[in-house]
Each structure stands twice: as structure tokens, then as C-alpha cells.
PDB file of N, CA and C in Angstrom:
ATOM      1  N   MET A   1       8.038 -17.671 -14.051  1.00  0.00           N
ATOM      2  CA  MET A   1       7.459 -16.371 -13.742  1.00  0.00           C
ATOM      3  C   MET A   1       8.557 -15.311 -13.810  1.00  0.00           C
ATOM      4  N   LYS A   2       8.191 -14.181 -14.388  1.00  0.00           N
ATOM      5  CA  LYS A   2       9.108 -13.053 -14.524  1.00  0.00           C
ATOM      6  C   LYS A   2       8.462 -11.797 -13.973  1.00  0.00           C
ATOM      7  N   CYS A   3       9.282 -10.874 -13.527  1.00  0.00           N
ATOM      8  CA  CYS A   3       8.813  -9.574 -13.058  1.00  0.00           C
ATOM      9  C   CYS A   3       9.199  -8.543 -14.101  1.00  0.00           C
ATOM     10  N   ILE A   4       8.218  -7.717 -14.475  1.00  0.00           N
ATOM     11  CA  ILE A   4       8.476  -6.686 -15.467  1.00  0.00           C
ATOM     12  C   ILE A   4       7.937  -5.343 -14.977  1.00  0.00           C
ATOM     13  N   LYS A   5       8.567  -4.272 -15.471  1.00  0.00           N
ATOM     14  CA  LYS A   5       8.216  -2.914 -15.053  1.00  0.00           C
ATOM     15  C   LYS A   5       7.911  -2.090 -16.296  1.00  0.00           C
ATOM     16  N   SER A   6       6.841  -1.303 -16.231  1.00  0.00           N
ATOM     17  CA  SER A   6       6.501  -0.474 -17.384  1.00  0.00           C
ATOM     18  C   SER A   6       7.471   0.698 -17.474  1.00  0.00           C
ATOM     19  N   VAL A   7       7.948   0.947 -18.695  1.00  0.00           N
ATOM     20  CA  VAL A   7       8.881   2.047 -18.920  1.00  0.00           C
ATOM     21  C   VAL A   7       8.212   3.181 -19.687  1.00  0.00           C
ATOM     22  N   LYS A   8       6.987   2.924 -20.157  1.00  0.00           N
ATOM     23  CA  LYS A   8       6.203   3.951 -20.834  1.00  0.00           C
ATOM     24  C   LYS A   8       4.795   3.927 -20.275  1.00  0.00           C
ATOM     25  N   GLN A   9       4.196   5.090 -20.144  1.00  0.00           N
ATOM     26  CA  GLN A   9       2.831   5.171 -19.624  1.00  0.00           C
ATOM     27  C   GLN A   9       1.836   5.036 -20.775  1.00  0.00           C
ATOM     28  N   THR A  10       0.808   4.210 -20.541  1.00  0.00           N
ATOM     29  CA  THR A  10      -0.275   4.051 -21.508  1.00  0.00           C
ATOM     30  C   THR A  10      -1.591   4.299 -20.786  1.00  0.00           C
ATOM     31  N   LYS A  11      -2.692   4.140 -21.511  1.00  0.00           N
ATOM     32  CA  LYS A  11      -4.000   4.329 -20.883  1.00  0.00           C
ATOM     33  C   LYS A  11      -4.280   3.261 -19.829  1.00  0.00           C
ATOM     34  N   GLN A  12      -3.769   2.055 -20.038  1.00  0.00           N
ATOM     35  CA  GLN A  12      -4.045   0.945 -19.128  1.00  0.00           C
ATOM     36  C   GLN A  12      -3.000   0.801 -18.023  1.00  0.00           C
ATOM     37  N   VAL A  13      -1.788   1.306 -18.244  1.00  0.00           N
ATOM     38  CA  VAL A  13      -0.682   1.052 -17.317  1.00  0.00           C
ATOM     39  C   VAL A  13       0.003   2.356 -16.937  1.00  0.00           C
ATOM     40  N   ASN A  14       0.280   2.505 -15.656  1.00  0.00           N
ATOM     41  CA  ASN A  14       1.014   3.684 -15.174  1.00  0.00           C
ATOM     42  C   ASN A  14       2.510   3.456 -15.313  1.00  0.00           C
ATOM     43  N   LEU A  15       3.254   4.527 -15.451  1.00  0.00           N
ATOM     44  CA  LEU A  15       4.698   4.464 -15.557  1.00  0.00           C
ATOM     45  C   LEU A  15       5.285   3.914 -14.258  1.00  0.00           C
ATOM     46  N   GLY A  16       6.153   2.913 -14.352  1.00  0.00           N
ATOM     47  CA  GLY A  16       6.807   2.341 -13.176  1.00  0.00           C
ATOM     48  C   GLY A  16       6.034   1.218 -12.519  1.00  0.00           C
ATOM     49  N   GLU A  17       4.898   0.825 -13.068  1.00  0.00           N
ATOM     50  CA  GLU A  17       4.107  -0.268 -12.494  1.00  0.00           C
ATOM     51  C   GLU A  17       4.855  -1.581 -12.683  1.00  0.00           C
ATOM     52  N   ILE A  18       4.927  -2.398 -11.627  1.00  0.00           N
ATOM     53  CA  ILE A  18       5.635  -3.675 -11.678  1.00  0.00           C
ATOM     54  C   ILE A  18       4.625  -4.804 -11.526  1.00  0.00           C
ATOM     55  N   ILE A  19       4.714  -5.786 -12.437  1.00  0.00           N
ATOM     56  CA  ILE A  19       3.826  -6.953 -12.366  1.00  0.00           C
ATOM     57  C   ILE A  19       4.647  -8.230 -12.468  1.00  0.00           C
ATOM     58  N   ARG A  20       4.053  -9.316 -12.033  1.00  0.00           N
ATOM     59  CA  ARG A  20       4.674 -10.637 -12.146  1.00  0.00           C
ATOM     60  C   ARG A  20       3.802 -11.445 -13.091  1.00  0.00           C
ATOM     61  N   THR A  21       4.399 -12.009 -14.124  1.00  0.00           N
ATOM     62  CA  THR A  21       3.635 -12.698 -15.152  1.00  0.00           C
ATOM     63  C   THR A  21       4.418 -13.908 -15.670  1.00  0.00           C
ATOM     64  N   THR A  22       3.802 -14.668 -16.554  1.00  0.00           N
ATOM     65  CA  THR A  22       4.450 -15.862 -17.108  1.00  0.00           C
ATOM     66  C   THR A  22       5.616 -15.464 -18.002  1.00  0.00           C
ATOM     67  N   ASP A  23       6.513 -16.409 -18.245  1.00  0.00           N
ATOM     68  CA  ASP A  23       7.692 -16.145 -19.076  1.00  0.00           C
ATOM     69  C   ASP A  23       7.303 -15.702 -20.482  1.00  0.00           C
ATOM     70  N   GLU A  24       6.335 -16.396 -21.072  1.00  0.00           N
ATOM     71  CA  GLU A  24       5.925 -16.099 -22.448  1.00  0.00           C
ATOM     72  C   GLU A  24       5.300 -14.707 -22.556  1.00  0.00           C
ATOM     73  N   ASP A  25       4.411 -14.389 -21.634  1.00  0.00           N
ATOM     74  CA  ASP A  25       3.747 -13.088 -21.639  1.00  0.00           C
ATOM     75  C   ASP A  25       4.761 -11.966 -21.407  1.00  0.00           C
ATOM     76  N   ALA A  26       5.695 -12.208 -20.484  1.00  0.00           N
ATOM     77  CA  ALA A  26       6.719 -11.207 -20.191  1.00  0.00           C
ATOM     78  C   ALA A  26       7.595 -10.967 -21.415  1.00  0.00           C
ATOM     79  N   MET A  27       7.966 -12.032 -22.116  1.00  0.00           N
ATOM     80  CA  MET A  27       8.817 -11.904 -23.281  1.00  0.00           C
ATOM     81  C   MET A  27       8.123 -11.066 -24.368  1.00  0.00           C
ATOM     82  N   GLU A  28       6.827 -11.295 -24.574  1.00  0.00           N
ATOM     83  CA  GLU A  28       6.073 -10.535 -25.571  1.00  0.00           C
ATOM     84  C   GLU A  28       5.994  -9.048 -25.199  1.00  0.00           C
ATOM     85  N   LYS A  29       5.732  -8.775 -23.933  1.00  0.00           N
ATOM     86  CA  LYS A  29       5.602  -7.389 -23.495  1.00  0.00           C
ATOM     87  C   LYS A  29       6.924  -6.640 -23.574  1.00  0.00           C
ATOM     88  N   VAL A  30       8.031  -7.297 -23.220  1.00  0.00           N
ATOM     89  CA  VAL A  30       9.344  -6.651 -23.274  1.00  0.00           C
ATOM     90  C   VAL A  30       9.734  -6.379 -24.730  1.00  0.00           C
ATOM     91  N   LYS A  31       9.413  -7.307 -25.623  1.00  0.00           N
ATOM     92  CA  LYS A  31       9.707  -7.095 -27.051  1.00  0.00           C
ATOM     93  C   LYS A  31       8.934  -5.900 -27.600  1.00  0.00           C
ATOM     94  N   GLY A  32       7.748  -5.627 -27.039  1.00  0.00           N
ATOM     95  CA  GLY A  32       6.939  -4.496 -27.478  1.00  0.00           C
ATOM     96  C   GLY A  32       7.566  -3.150 -27.163  1.00  0.00           C
ATOM     97  N   GLY A  33       8.449  -3.111 -26.177  1.00  0.00           N
ATOM     98  CA  GLY A  33       9.165  -1.879 -25.863  1.00  0.00           C
ATOM     99  C   GLY A  33       8.580  -1.059 -24.727  1.00  0.00           C
ATOM    100  N   ASN A  34       7.414  -1.428 -24.227  1.00  0.00           N
ATOM    101  CA  ASN A  34       6.808  -0.676 -23.126  1.00  0.00           C
ATOM    102  C   ASN A  34       7.178  -1.237 -21.760  1.00  0.00           C
ATOM    103  N   TRP A  35       7.838  -2.384 -21.716  1.00  0.00           N
ATOM    104  CA  TRP A  35       8.166  -3.060 -20.459  1.00  0.00           C
ATOM    105  C   TRP A  35       9.644  -3.428 -20.437  1.00  0.00           C
ATOM    106  N   ALA A  36      10.202  -3.592 -19.223  1.00  0.00           N
ATOM    107  CA  ALA A  36      11.582  -4.036 -19.033  1.00  0.00           C
ATOM    108  C   ALA A  36      11.610  -5.012 -17.864  1.00  0.00           C
ATOM    109  N   TYR A  37      12.540  -5.958 -17.915  1.00  0.00           N
ATOM    110  CA  TYR A  37      12.682  -6.923 -16.834  1.00  0.00           C
ATOM    111  C   TYR A  37      13.241  -6.238 -15.584  1.00  0.00           C
ATOM    112  N   VAL A  38      12.756  -6.666 -14.412  1.00  0.00           N
ATOM    113  CA  VAL A  38      13.297  -6.198 -13.135  1.00  0.00           C
ATOM    114  C   VAL A  38      13.464  -7.399 -12.217  1.00  0.00           C
ATOM    115  N   SER A  39      14.183  -7.214 -11.130  1.00  0.00           N
ATOM    116  CA  SER A  39      14.425  -8.317 -10.208  1.00  0.00           C
ATOM    117  C   SER A  39      13.184  -8.606  -9.362  1.00  0.00           C
ATOM    118  N   LYS A  40      13.145  -9.803  -8.846  1.00  0.00           N
ATOM    119  CA  LYS A  40      12.024 -10.205  -7.992  1.00  0.00           C
ATOM    120  C   LYS A  40      12.026  -9.398  -6.688  1.00  0.00           C
ATOM    121  N   MET A  41      13.198  -9.004  -6.223  1.00  0.00           N
ATOM    122  CA  MET A  41      13.291  -8.206  -4.995  1.00  0.00           C
ATOM    123  C   MET A  41      12.592  -6.864  -5.158  1.00  0.00           C
ATOM    124  N   GLU A  42      12.684  -6.280  -6.343  1.00  0.00           N
ATOM    125  CA  GLU A  42      12.012  -4.997  -6.594  1.00  0.00           C
ATOM    126  C   GLU A  42      10.499  -5.187  -6.543  1.00  0.00           C
ATOM    127  N   TRP A  43      10.016  -6.299  -7.081  1.00  0.00           N
ATOM    128  CA  TRP A  43       8.578  -6.610  -7.055  1.00  0.00           C
ATOM    129  C   TRP A  43       8.117  -6.868  -5.624  1.00  0.00           C
ATOM    130  N   LYS A  44       8.927  -7.595  -4.855  1.00  0.00           N
ATOM    131  CA  LYS A  44       8.584  -7.892  -3.463  1.00  0.00           C
ATOM    132  C   LYS A  44       8.553  -6.634  -2.611  1.00  0.00           C
ATOM    133  N   SER A  45       9.412  -5.684  -2.904  1.00  0.00           N
ATOM    134  CA  SER A  45       9.461  -4.459  -2.097  1.00  0.00           C
ATOM    135  C   SER A  45       8.158  -3.678  -2.213  1.00  0.00           C
ATOM    136  N   LEU A  46       7.444  -3.813  -3.318  1.00  0.00           N
ATOM    137  CA  LEU A  46       6.150  -3.142  -3.466  1.00  0.00           C
ATOM    138  C   LEU A  46       5.062  -3.857  -2.692  1.00  0.00           C
ATOM    139  N   LYS A  47       5.208  -5.149  -2.484  1.00  0.00           N
ATOM    140  CA  LYS A  47       4.188  -5.931  -1.794  1.00  0.00           C
ATOM    141  C   LYS A  47       4.185  -5.681  -0.290  1.00  0.00           C
ATOM    142  N   THR A  48       5.334  -5.372   0.267  1.00  0.00           N
ATOM    143  CA  THR A  48       5.399  -5.130   1.712  1.00  0.00           C
ATOM    144  C   THR A  48       5.172  -3.652   1.977  1.00  0.00           C
ATOM    145  N   THR A  49       4.390  -3.363   2.994  1.00  0.00           N
ATOM    146  CA  THR A  49       4.129  -1.977   3.346  1.00  0.00           C
ATOM    147  C   THR A  49       5.130  -1.549   4.421  1.00  0.00           C
ATOM    148  N   PRO A  50       5.735  -0.414   4.274  1.00  0.00           N
ATOM    149  CA  PRO A  50       6.700   0.041   5.269  1.00  0.00           C
ATOM    150  C   PRO A  50       6.001   0.369   6.590  1.00  0.00           C
ATOM    151  N   LYS A  51       6.671   0.029   7.682  1.00  0.00           N
ATOM    152  CA  LYS A  51       6.113   0.321   8.996  1.00  0.00           C
ATOM    153  C   LYS A  51       6.397   1.778   9.341  1.00  0.00           C
ATOM    154  N   VAL A  52       5.356   2.470   9.743  1.00  0.00           N
ATOM    155  CA  VAL A  52       5.483   3.878  10.094  1.00  0.00           C
ATOM    156  C   VAL A  52       5.440   4.008  11.602  1.00  0.00           C
ATOM    157  N   GLU A  53       6.448   4.650  12.144  1.00  0.00           N
ATOM    158  CA  GLU A  53       6.477   4.850  13.592  1.00  0.00           C
ATOM    159  C   GLU A  53       5.698   6.105  13.924  1.00  0.00           C
ATOM    160  N   LYS A  54       4.806   5.973  14.895  1.00  0.00           N
ATOM    161  CA  LYS A  54       4.027   7.125  15.329  1.00  0.00           C
ATOM    162  C   LYS A  54       4.713   7.736  16.539  1.00  0.00           C
ATOM    163  N   LYS A  55       4.967   9.012  16.440  1.00  0.00           N
ATOM    164  CA  LYS A  55       5.594   9.718  17.549  1.00  0.00           C
ATOM    165  C   LYS A  55       4.584  10.678  18.143  1.00  0.00           C
ATOM    166  N   GLU A  56       4.476  10.646  19.453  1.00  0.00           N
ATOM    167  CA  GLU A  56       3.572  11.555  20.146  1.00  0.00           C
ATOM    168  C   GLU A  56       4.406  12.672  20.767  1.00  0.00           C
ATOM    169  N   PHE A  57       3.975  13.866  20.550  1.00  0.00           N
ATOM    170  CA  PHE A  57       4.665  15.014  21.111  1.00  0.00           C
ATOM    171  C   PHE A  57       3.952  15.470  22.365  1.00  0.00           C
ATOM    172  N   GLU A  58       4.699  16.092  23.251  1.00  0.00           N
ATOM    173  CA  GLU A  58       4.103  16.577  24.492  1.00  0.00           C
ATOM    174  C   GLU A  58       3.074  17.641  24.169  1.00  0.00           C
ATOM    175  N   GLY A  59       1.939  17.554  24.817  1.00  0.00           N
ATOM    176  CA  GLY A  59       0.895  18.541  24.617  1.00  0.00           C
ATOM    177  C   GLY A  59      -0.038  18.200  23.464  1.00  0.00           C
ATOM    178  N   GLU A  60       0.286  17.168  22.711  1.00  0.00           N
ATOM    179  CA  GLU A  60      -0.569  16.779  21.591  1.00  0.00           C
ATOM    180  C   GLU A  60      -1.762  15.999  22.129  1.00  0.00           C
ATOM    181  N   VAL A  61      -2.936  16.328  21.671  1.00  0.00           N
ATOM    182  CA  VAL A  61      -4.148  15.678  22.135  1.00  0.00           C
ATOM    183  C   VAL A  61      -4.741  14.886  20.983  1.00  0.00           C
ATOM    184  N   LYS A  62      -5.030  13.614  21.250  1.00  0.00           N
ATOM    185  CA  LYS A  62      -5.646  12.780  20.223  1.00  0.00           C
ATOM    186  C   LYS A  62      -7.155  12.950  20.277  1.00  0.00           C
ATOM    187  N   GLU A  63      -7.762  12.921  19.110  1.00  0.00           N
ATOM    188  CA  GLU A  63      -9.213  13.029  19.050  1.00  0.00           C
ATOM    189  C   GLU A  63      -9.840  11.676  19.378  1.00  0.00           C
ATOM    190  N   LYS A  64     -10.912  11.705  20.157  1.00  0.00           N
ATOM    191  CA  LYS A  64     -11.606  10.474  20.498  1.00  0.00           C
ATOM    192  C   LYS A  64     -12.684  10.212  19.464  1.00  0.00           C
ATOM    193  N   LYS A  65     -12.832   8.945  19.094  1.00  0.00           N
ATOM    194  CA  LYS A  65     -13.865   8.581  18.131  1.00  0.00           C
ATOM    195  C   LYS A  65     -15.194   8.343  18.824  1.00  0.00           C
ATOM    196  N   GLY A  66     -15.159   7.930  20.050  1.00  0.00           N
ATOM    197  CA  GLY A  66     -16.379   7.655  20.787  1.00  0.00           C
ATOM    198  C   GLY A  66     -16.103   7.674  22.271  1.00  0.00           C
ATOM    199  N   LYS A  67     -17.095   7.302  23.034  1.00  0.00           N
ATOM    200  CA  LYS A  67     -16.949   7.311  24.483  1.00  0.00           C
ATOM    201  C   LYS A  67     -16.485   5.944  24.956  1.00  0.00           C
ATOM    202  N   SER A  68     -15.733   5.954  26.052  1.00  0.00           N
ATOM    203  CA  SER A  68     -15.264   4.705  26.624  1.00  0.00           C
ATOM    204  C   SER A  68     -16.402   4.043  27.406  1.00  0.00           C
ATOM    205  N   LYS A  69     -16.204   2.798  27.749  1.00  0.00           N
ATOM    206  CA  LYS A  69     -17.219   2.060  28.502  1.00  0.00           C
ATOM    207  C   LYS A  69     -17.498   2.728  29.843  1.00  0.00           C
ATOM    208  N   LYS A  70     -16.440   3.241  30.440  1.00  0.00           N
ATOM    209  CA  LYS A  70     -16.583   3.894  31.740  1.00  0.00           C
ATOM    210  C   LYS A  70     -17.463   5.139  31.621  1.00  0.00           C
ATOM    211  N   GLU A  71     -17.245   5.918  30.571  1.00  0.00           N
ATOM    212  CA  GLU A  71     -18.046   7.122  30.357  1.00  0.00           C
ATOM    213  C   GLU A  71     -19.504   6.774  30.084  1.00  0.00           C
ATOM    214  N   LEU A  72     -19.745   5.712  29.326  1.00  0.00           N
ATOM    215  CA  LEU A  72     -21.115   5.291  29.043  1.00  0.00           C
ATOM    216  C   LEU A  72     -21.843   4.853  30.317  1.00  0.00           C
ATOM    217  N   LYS A  73     -21.146   4.148  31.221  1.00  0.00           N
ATOM    218  CA  LYS A  73     -21.749   3.709  32.473  1.00  0.00           C
ATOM    219  C   LYS A  73     -22.116   4.906  33.333  1.00  0.00           C
ATOM    220  N   LEU A  74     -21.220   5.888  33.391  1.00  0.00           N
ATOM    221  CA  LEU A  74     -21.486   7.069  34.182  1.00  0.00           C
ATOM    222  C   LEU A  74     -22.699   7.840  33.642  1.00  0.00           C
ATOM    223  N   GLU A  75     -22.830   7.887  32.308  1.00  0.00           N
ATOM    224  CA  GLU A  75     -23.986   8.556  31.693  1.00  0.00           C
ATOM    225  C   GLU A  75     -25.289   7.851  32.053  1.00  0.00           C
ATOM    226  N   LYS A  76     -25.282   6.544  32.007  1.00  0.00           N
ATOM    227  CA  LYS A  76     -26.487   5.761  32.342  1.00  0.00           C
ATOM    228  C   LYS A  76     -26.895   6.009  33.796  1.00  0.00           C
ATOM    229  N   LYS A  77     -25.900   6.049  34.692  1.00  0.00           N
ATOM    230  CA  LYS A  77     -26.202   6.278  36.113  1.00  0.00           C
ATOM    231  C   LYS A  77     -26.766   7.683  36.334  1.00  0.00           C
ATOM    232  N   SER A  78     -26.212   8.649  35.635  1.00  0.00           N
ATOM    233  CA  SER A  78     -26.660  10.024  35.834  1.00  0.00           C
ATOM    234  C   SER A  78     -28.080  10.251  35.244  1.00  0.00           C
ATOM    235  N   LYS A  79     -28.464   9.489  34.241  1.00  0.00           N
ATOM    236  CA  LYS A  79     -29.787   9.616  33.633  1.00  0.00           C
ATOM    237  C   LYS A  79     -30.872   9.022  34.543  1.00  0.00           C
ATOM    238  N   LYS A  80     -30.525   8.044  35.357  1.00  0.00           N
ATOM    239  CA  LYS A  80     -31.508   7.383  36.226  1.00  0.00           C
ATOM    240  C   LYS A  80     -31.869   8.218  37.360  1.00  0.00           C
TER     241      LYS A  80
END
């Protein structure tokens, strides 16, 4: 298995796209001139998603998507 990166943009492939393919297929694509060999580490770096740290600032209010269980219970009691 080889990792290759597109060096030219085509209708089917975006510039800089990295794929992992068989040795024979990779050799044919690189000979065509639209692809170049890259290291496996470069291919792996695309597979892992970077962890984003969320920072909360003072005074920032998060939007609620729905009501909590406690709020729902209070609503039921008030309706009765």
C-alpha cells in the first residue's frame, strides 16, 4: 500500500487530496503526473481530527436546546 497526493486538480479530484492505494495503482497514477508519493504520516494526519478546546468567557450565555427534566416537572405541576 502506498499513499499518494494529488498535485493537479481535476474534475474528480481536488488539489492536495491524499489517498491510500495499492502499489500498482499508485505507480500508474504517479507516472500520469497528477499524483506524487507522500509519507504515511501525512495520510494519517488527515484521518485524525484535531481536538478543539472550548473556552468559556465570563458573561457568555449558552443557548439551551430544550428544557431540563426539572423544568418539565415544574411545568406539569403548575398545569394541574
